[in-house]
């Protein structure tokens, strides 16, 4: 959902090309994103995808304050 929303927002700037890239994604999510972007690149698309955090050694949560600081 976040990637789809970001793609829609970025499309407003009329980029020549919009590519979604991630180290891992659910196969269904990759298929769904194809309607929003020009290309989807995922290194891993595991068939039994339950949660993205399972695929990272460190998947700490980002705080609201960190997000606000990065976007500011």
PDB file of N, CA and C in Angstrom:
ATOM      1  N   UNK A   1       0.831  -1.191   0.000  1.00  0.00           N
ATOM      2  CA  UNK A   1       0.000   0.000   0.000  1.00  0.00           C
ATOM      3  C   UNK A   1       0.872   1.250   0.000  1.00  0.00           C
ATOM      4  N   UNK A   2       1.931   1.258   0.793  1.00  0.00           N
ATOM      5  CA  UNK A   2       2.811   2.428   0.856  1.00  0.00           C
ATOM      6  C   UNK A   2       3.493   2.666  -0.484  1.00  0.00           C
ATOM      7  N   UNK A   3       3.984   1.609  -1.105  1.00  0.00           N
ATOM      8  CA  UNK A   3       4.658   1.742  -2.401  1.00  0.00           C
ATOM      9  C   UNK A   3       3.688   2.240  -3.465  1.00  0.00           C
ATOM     10  N   UNK A   4       2.478   1.742  -3.434  1.00  0.00           N
ATOM     11  CA  UNK A   4       1.472   2.173  -4.416  1.00  0.00           C
ATOM     12  C   UNK A   4       1.150   3.658  -4.234  1.00  0.00           C
ATOM     13  N   UNK A   5       1.002   4.097  -2.990  1.00  0.00           N
ATOM     14  CA  UNK A   5       0.722   5.511  -2.714  1.00  0.00           C
ATOM     15  C   UNK A   5       1.895   6.384  -3.145  1.00  0.00           C
ATOM     16  N   UNK A   6       3.107   5.931  -2.873  1.00  0.00           N
ATOM     17  CA  UNK A   6       4.296   6.689  -3.277  1.00  0.00           C
ATOM     18  C   UNK A   6       4.378   6.791  -4.796  1.00  0.00           C
ATOM     19  N   UNK A   7       4.090   5.708  -5.484  1.00  0.00           N
ATOM     20  CA  UNK A   7       4.136   5.719  -6.949  1.00  0.00           C
ATOM     21  C   UNK A   7       3.122   6.707  -7.514  1.00  0.00           C
ATOM     22  N   UNK A   8       1.935   6.716  -6.962  1.00  0.00           N
ATOM     23  CA  UNK A   8       0.907   7.646  -7.439  1.00  0.00           C
ATOM     24  C   UNK A   8       1.319   9.091  -7.210  1.00  0.00           C
ATOM     25  N   UNK A   9       1.937   9.362  -6.058  1.00  0.00           N
ATOM     26  CA  UNK A   9       2.396  10.715  -5.770  1.00  0.00           C
ATOM     27  C   UNK A   9       3.517  11.118  -6.735  1.00  0.00           C
ATOM     28  N   UNK A  10       4.453  10.211  -6.960  1.00  0.00           N
ATOM     29  CA  UNK A  10       5.576  10.512  -7.845  1.00  0.00           C
ATOM     30  C   UNK A  10       5.136  10.698  -9.294  1.00  0.00           C
ATOM     31  N   UNK A  11       4.109  10.000  -9.714  1.00  0.00           N
ATOM     32  CA  UNK A  11       3.588  10.130 -11.084  1.00  0.00           C
ATOM     33  C   UNK A  11       3.132  11.557 -11.372  1.00  0.00           C
ATOM     34  N   UNK A  12       2.724  12.271 -10.338  1.00  0.00           N
ATOM     35  CA  UNK A  12       2.283  13.661 -10.524  1.00  0.00           C
ATOM     36  C   UNK A  12       3.394  14.539 -11.093  1.00  0.00           C
ATOM     37  N   UNK A  13       4.646  14.169 -10.806  1.00  0.00           N
ATOM     38  CA  UNK A  13       5.786  14.937 -11.313  1.00  0.00           C
ATOM     39  C   UNK A  13       6.161  14.548 -12.738  1.00  0.00           C
ATOM     40  N   UNK A  14       5.419  13.606 -13.313  1.00  0.00           N
ATOM     41  CA  UNK A  14       5.601  13.163 -14.691  1.00  0.00           C
ATOM     42  C   UNK A  14       7.027  12.713 -15.006  1.00  0.00           C
ATOM     43  N   UNK A  15       7.544  11.764 -14.250  1.00  0.00           N
ATOM     44  CA  UNK A  15       8.890  11.263 -14.550  1.00  0.00           C
ATOM     45  C   UNK A  15       8.891  10.511 -15.885  1.00  0.00           C
ATOM     46  N   UNK A  16      10.029  10.481 -16.527  1.00  0.00           N
ATOM     47  CA  UNK A  16      10.153   9.738 -17.781  1.00  0.00           C
ATOM     48  C   UNK A  16       9.925   8.253 -17.540  1.00  0.00           C
ATOM     49  N   UNK A  17      10.403   7.782 -16.389  1.00  0.00           N
ATOM     50  CA  UNK A  17      10.255   6.374 -16.032  1.00  0.00           C
ATOM     51  C   UNK A  17      10.180   6.266 -14.515  1.00  0.00           C
ATOM     52  N   UNK A  18       9.401   5.313 -14.041  1.00  0.00           N
ATOM     53  CA  UNK A  18       9.264   5.096 -12.603  1.00  0.00           C
ATOM     54  C   UNK A  18       9.458   3.610 -12.324  1.00  0.00           C
ATOM     55  N   UNK A  19      10.486   3.306 -11.549  1.00  0.00           N
ATOM     56  CA  UNK A  19      10.845   1.918 -11.263  1.00  0.00           C
ATOM     57  C   UNK A  19      10.769   1.680  -9.762  1.00  0.00           C
ATOM     58  N   UNK A  20      10.070   0.626  -9.379  1.00  0.00           N
ATOM     59  CA  UNK A  20      10.035   0.195  -7.986  1.00  0.00           C
ATOM     60  C   UNK A  20      11.099  -0.878  -7.823  1.00  0.00           C
ATOM     61  N   UNK A  21      11.959  -0.730  -6.813  1.00  0.00           N
ATOM     62  CA  UNK A  21      12.996  -1.732  -6.550  1.00  0.00           C
ATOM     63  C   UNK A  21      13.052  -2.025  -5.061  1.00  0.00           C
ATOM     64  N   UNK A  22      13.173  -3.307  -4.742  1.00  0.00           N
ATOM     65  CA  UNK A  22      13.253  -3.734  -3.346  1.00  0.00           C
ATOM     66  C   UNK A  22      14.014  -5.049  -3.282  1.00  0.00           C
ATOM     67  N   UNK A  23      14.673  -5.307  -2.160  1.00  0.00           N
ATOM     68  CA  UNK A  23      15.393  -6.574  -2.037  1.00  0.00           C
ATOM     69  C   UNK A  23      14.462  -7.773  -1.962  1.00  0.00           C
ATOM     70  N   UNK A  24      13.256  -7.582  -1.421  1.00  0.00           N
ATOM     71  CA  UNK A  24      12.302  -8.687  -1.299  1.00  0.00           C
ATOM     72  C   UNK A  24      10.884  -8.123  -1.358  1.00  0.00           C
ATOM     73  N   UNK A  25       9.999  -8.849  -2.018  1.00  0.00           N
ATOM     74  CA  UNK A  25       8.597  -8.435  -2.038  1.00  0.00           C
ATOM     75  C   UNK A  25       7.707  -9.645  -2.291  1.00  0.00           C
ATOM     76  N   UNK A  26       6.485  -9.528  -1.855  1.00  0.00           N
ATOM     77  CA  UNK A  26       5.509 -10.588  -2.085  1.00  0.00           C
ATOM     78  C   UNK A  26       5.184 -10.641  -3.574  1.00  0.00           C
ATOM     79  N   UNK A  27       5.083 -11.827  -4.136  1.00  0.00           N
ATOM     80  CA  UNK A  27       4.766 -11.931  -5.565  1.00  0.00           C
ATOM     81  C   UNK A  27       3.487 -11.175  -5.943  1.00  0.00           C
ATOM     82  N   UNK A  28       2.465 -11.250  -5.102  1.00  0.00           N
ATOM     83  CA  UNK A  28       1.207 -10.555  -5.394  1.00  0.00           C
ATOM     84  C   UNK A  28       1.400  -9.039  -5.402  1.00  0.00           C
ATOM     85  N   UNK A  29       2.233  -8.546  -4.498  1.00  0.00           N
ATOM     86  CA  UNK A  29       2.495  -7.107  -4.436  1.00  0.00           C
ATOM     87  C   UNK A  29       3.220  -6.643  -5.693  1.00  0.00           C
ATOM     88  N   UNK A  30       4.180  -7.429  -6.150  1.00  0.00           N
ATOM     89  CA  UNK A  30       4.917  -7.080  -7.367  1.00  0.00           C
ATOM     90  C   UNK A  30       3.972  -7.008  -8.562  1.00  0.00           C
ATOM     91  N   UNK A  31       3.063  -7.952  -8.651  1.00  0.00           N
ATOM     92  CA  UNK A  31       2.093  -7.951  -9.749  1.00  0.00           C
ATOM     93  C   UNK A  31       1.183  -6.733  -9.649  1.00  0.00           C
ATOM     94  N   UNK A  32       0.725  -6.421  -8.445  1.00  0.00           N
ATOM     95  CA  UNK A  32      -0.152  -5.276  -8.245  1.00  0.00           C
ATOM     96  C   UNK A  32       0.508  -3.943  -8.552  1.00  0.00           C
ATOM     97  N   UNK A  33       1.799  -3.848  -8.305  1.00  0.00           N
ATOM     98  CA  UNK A  33       2.520  -2.597  -8.556  1.00  0.00           C
ATOM     99  C   UNK A  33       2.747  -2.335 -10.038  1.00  0.00           C
ATOM    100  N   UNK A  34       2.684  -3.360 -10.855  1.00  0.00           N
ATOM    101  CA  UNK A  34       2.952  -3.189 -12.287  1.00  0.00           C
ATOM    102  C   UNK A  34       2.005  -2.196 -12.944  1.00  0.00           C
ATOM    103  N   UNK A  35       0.832  -2.011 -12.370  1.00  0.00           N
ATOM    104  CA  UNK A  35      -0.105  -1.041 -12.939  1.00  0.00           C
ATOM    105  C   UNK A  35       0.234   0.392 -12.526  1.00  0.00           C
ATOM    106  N   UNK A  36       1.116   0.554 -11.552  1.00  0.00           N
ATOM    107  CA  UNK A  36       1.459   1.883 -11.037  1.00  0.00           C
ATOM    108  C   UNK A  36       2.824   2.383 -11.508  1.00  0.00           C
ATOM    109  N   UNK A  37       3.714   1.467 -11.879  1.00  0.00           N
ATOM    110  CA  UNK A  37       5.087   1.836 -12.246  1.00  0.00           C
ATOM    111  C   UNK A  37       5.458   1.206 -13.589  1.00  0.00           C
ATOM    112  N   UNK A  38       6.589   1.638 -14.133  1.00  0.00           N
ATOM    113  CA  UNK A  38       7.041   1.107 -15.413  1.00  0.00           C
ATOM    114  C   UNK A  38       7.743  -0.234 -15.284  1.00  0.00           C
ATOM    115  N   UNK A  39       8.374  -0.456 -14.141  1.00  0.00           N
ATOM    116  CA  UNK A  39       9.060  -1.728 -13.932  1.00  0.00           C
ATOM    117  C   UNK A  39       9.125  -2.022 -12.438  1.00  0.00           C
ATOM    118  N   UNK A  40       9.102  -3.304 -12.112  1.00  0.00           N
ATOM    119  CA  UNK A  40       9.214  -3.763 -10.731  1.00  0.00           C
ATOM    120  C   UNK A  40      10.425  -4.679 -10.653  1.00  0.00           C
ATOM    121  N   UNK A  41      11.375  -4.331  -9.784  1.00  0.00           N
ATOM    122  CA  UNK A  41      12.584  -5.125  -9.603  1.00  0.00           C
ATOM    123  C   UNK A  41      12.639  -5.588  -8.153  1.00  0.00           C
ATOM    124  N   UNK A  42      12.541  -6.887  -7.952  1.00  0.00           N
ATOM    125  CA  UNK A  42      12.653  -7.481  -6.620  1.00  0.00           C
ATOM    126  C   UNK A  42      13.661  -8.620  -6.710  1.00  0.00           C
ATOM    127  N   UNK A  43      14.688  -8.582  -5.884  1.00  0.00           N
ATOM    128  CA  UNK A  43      15.704  -9.633  -5.901  1.00  0.00           C
ATOM    129  C   UNK A  43      15.080 -10.971  -5.517  1.00  0.00           C
ATOM    130  N   UNK A  44      14.254 -10.953  -4.478  1.00  0.00           N
ATOM    131  CA  UNK A  44      13.568 -12.167  -4.024  1.00  0.00           C
ATOM    132  C   UNK A  44      12.060 -11.968  -4.072  1.00  0.00           C
ATOM    133  N   UNK A  45      11.365 -12.985  -4.576  1.00  0.00           N
ATOM    134  CA  UNK A  45       9.900 -13.018  -4.551  1.00  0.00           C
ATOM    135  C   UNK A  45       9.482 -14.385  -4.009  1.00  0.00           C
ATOM    136  N   UNK A  46       9.671 -14.586  -2.711  1.00  0.00           N
ATOM    137  CA  UNK A  46       9.387 -15.903  -2.133  1.00  0.00           C
ATOM    138  C   UNK A  46       7.902 -16.265  -2.230  1.00  0.00           C
ATOM    139  N   UNK A  47       7.636 -17.512  -2.596  1.00  0.00           N
ATOM    140  CA  UNK A  47       6.251 -17.976  -2.719  1.00  0.00           C
ATOM    141  C   UNK A  47       5.516 -17.920  -1.387  1.00  0.00           C
ATOM    142  N   UNK A  48       6.205 -18.267  -0.323  1.00  0.00           N
ATOM    143  CA  UNK A  48       5.588 -18.254   1.014  1.00  0.00           C
ATOM    144  C   UNK A  48       5.969 -16.976   1.758  1.00  0.00           C
ATOM    145  N   UNK A  49       5.507 -15.876   1.271  1.00  0.00           N
ATOM    146  CA  UNK A  49       5.800 -14.571   1.857  1.00  0.00           C
ATOM    147  C   UNK A  49       4.734 -14.250   2.896  1.00  0.00           C
ATOM    148  N   UNK A  50       5.168 -14.098   4.145  1.00  0.00           N
ATOM    149  CA  UNK A  50       4.224 -13.744   5.210  1.00  0.00           C
ATOM    150  C   UNK A  50       4.442 -12.319   5.685  1.00  0.00           C
ATOM    151  N   UNK A  51       5.693 -11.961   5.937  1.00  0.00           N
ATOM    152  CA  UNK A  51       5.997 -10.616   6.433  1.00  0.00           C
ATOM    153  C   UNK A  51       7.388 -10.216   5.962  1.00  0.00           C
ATOM    154  N   UNK A  52       7.534  -8.974   5.570  1.00  0.00           N
ATOM    155  CA  UNK A  52       8.817  -8.506   5.048  1.00  0.00           C
ATOM    156  C   UNK A  52       9.920  -8.606   6.098  1.00  0.00           C
ATOM    157  N   UNK A  53       9.583  -8.424   7.365  1.00  0.00           N
ATOM    158  CA  UNK A  53      10.576  -8.482   8.432  1.00  0.00           C
ATOM    159  C   UNK A  53      11.263  -9.826   8.564  1.00  0.00           C
ATOM    160  N   UNK A  54      10.642 -10.883   8.082  1.00  0.00           N
ATOM    161  CA  UNK A  54      11.260 -12.214   8.145  1.00  0.00           C
ATOM    162  C   UNK A  54      12.516 -12.316   7.286  1.00  0.00           C
ATOM    163  N   UNK A  55      12.667 -11.421   6.345  1.00  0.00           N
ATOM    164  CA  UNK A  55      13.754 -11.508   5.375  1.00  0.00           C
ATOM    165  C   UNK A  55      14.933 -10.599   5.701  1.00  0.00           C
ATOM    166  N   UNK A  56      14.891  -9.926   6.847  1.00  0.00           N
ATOM    167  CA  UNK A  56      15.955  -9.016   7.254  1.00  0.00           C
ATOM    168  C   UNK A  56      16.525  -9.434   8.604  1.00  0.00           C
ATOM    169  N   UNK A  57      17.844  -9.330   8.748  1.00  0.00           N
ATOM    170  CA  UNK A  57      18.485  -9.609  10.036  1.00  0.00           C
ATOM    171  C   UNK A  57      18.097  -8.536  11.057  1.00  0.00           C
ATOM    172  N   UNK A  58      17.956  -7.282  10.600  1.00  0.00           N
ATOM    173  CA  UNK A  58      17.569  -6.175  11.476  1.00  0.00           C
ATOM    174  C   UNK A  58      16.441  -5.411  10.795  1.00  0.00           C
ATOM    175  N   UNK A  59      15.254  -5.524  11.327  1.00  0.00           N
ATOM    176  CA  UNK A  59      14.094  -4.845  10.748  1.00  0.00           C
ATOM    177  C   UNK A  59      13.430  -3.983  11.816  1.00  0.00           C
ATOM    178  N   UNK A  60      14.250  -3.113  12.412  1.00  0.00           N
ATOM    179  CA  UNK A  60      13.744  -2.217  13.445  1.00  0.00           C
ATOM    180  C   UNK A  60      12.739  -1.228  12.884  1.00  0.00           C
ATOM    181  N   UNK A  61      11.789  -0.840  13.706  1.00  0.00           N
ATOM    182  CA  UNK A  61      10.754   0.094  13.284  1.00  0.00           C
ATOM    183  C   UNK A  61      11.271   1.529  13.315  1.00  0.00           C
ATOM    184  N   UNK A  62      10.839   2.317  12.359  1.00  0.00           N
ATOM    185  CA  UNK A  62      11.182   3.728  12.286  1.00  0.00           C
ATOM    186  C   UNK A  62      10.138   4.512  13.067  1.00  0.00           C
ATOM    187  N   UNK A  63      10.601   5.420  13.915  1.00  0.00           N
ATOM    188  CA  UNK A  63       9.666   6.211  14.717  1.00  0.00           C
ATOM    189  C   UNK A  63       9.071   7.346  13.878  1.00  0.00           C
ATOM    190  N   UNK A  64       7.955   7.873  14.336  1.00  0.00           N
ATOM    191  CA  UNK A  64       7.342   9.021  13.667  1.00  0.00           C
ATOM    192  C   UNK A  64       8.310  10.196  13.625  1.00  0.00           C
ATOM    193  N   UNK A  65       9.043  10.397  14.707  1.00  0.00           N
ATOM    194  CA  UNK A  65       9.998  11.501  14.778  1.00  0.00           C
ATOM    195  C   UNK A  65      11.094  11.357  13.718  1.00  0.00           C
ATOM    196  N   UNK A  66      11.586  10.139  13.517  1.00  0.00           N
ATOM    197  CA  UNK A  66      12.612   9.906  12.497  1.00  0.00           C
ATOM    198  C   UNK A  66      12.072  10.199  11.099  1.00  0.00           C
ATOM    199  N   UNK A  67      10.857   9.794  10.841  1.00  0.00           N
ATOM    200  CA  UNK A  67      10.246  10.046   9.535  1.00  0.00           C
ATOM    201  C   UNK A  67      10.081  11.538   9.306  1.00  0.00           C
ATOM    202  N   UNK A  68       9.578  12.240  10.296  1.00  0.00           N
ATOM    203  CA  UNK A  68       9.386  13.688  10.176  1.00  0.00           C
ATOM    204  C   UNK A  68      10.716  14.388   9.934  1.00  0.00           C
ATOM    205  N   UNK A  69      11.752  13.960  10.645  1.00  0.00           N
ATOM    206  CA  UNK A  69      13.078  14.562  10.461  1.00  0.00           C
ATOM    207  C   UNK A  69      13.599  14.307   9.047  1.00  0.00           C
ATOM    208  N   UNK A  70      13.444  13.097   8.554  1.00  0.00           N
ATOM    209  CA  UNK A  70      13.923  12.764   7.215  1.00  0.00           C
ATOM    210  C   UNK A  70      13.149  13.495   6.121  1.00  0.00           C
ATOM    211  N   UNK A  71      11.867  13.703   6.333  1.00  0.00           N
ATOM    212  CA  UNK A  71      11.049  14.388   5.337  1.00  0.00           C
ATOM    213  C   UNK A  71      11.163  15.902   5.417  1.00  0.00           C
ATOM    214  N   UNK A  72      11.640  16.396   6.570  1.00  0.00           N
ATOM    215  CA  UNK A  72      11.729  17.839   6.792  1.00  0.00           C
ATOM    216  C   UNK A  72      12.837  18.430   6.050  1.00  0.00           C
TER     217      UNK A  72
END
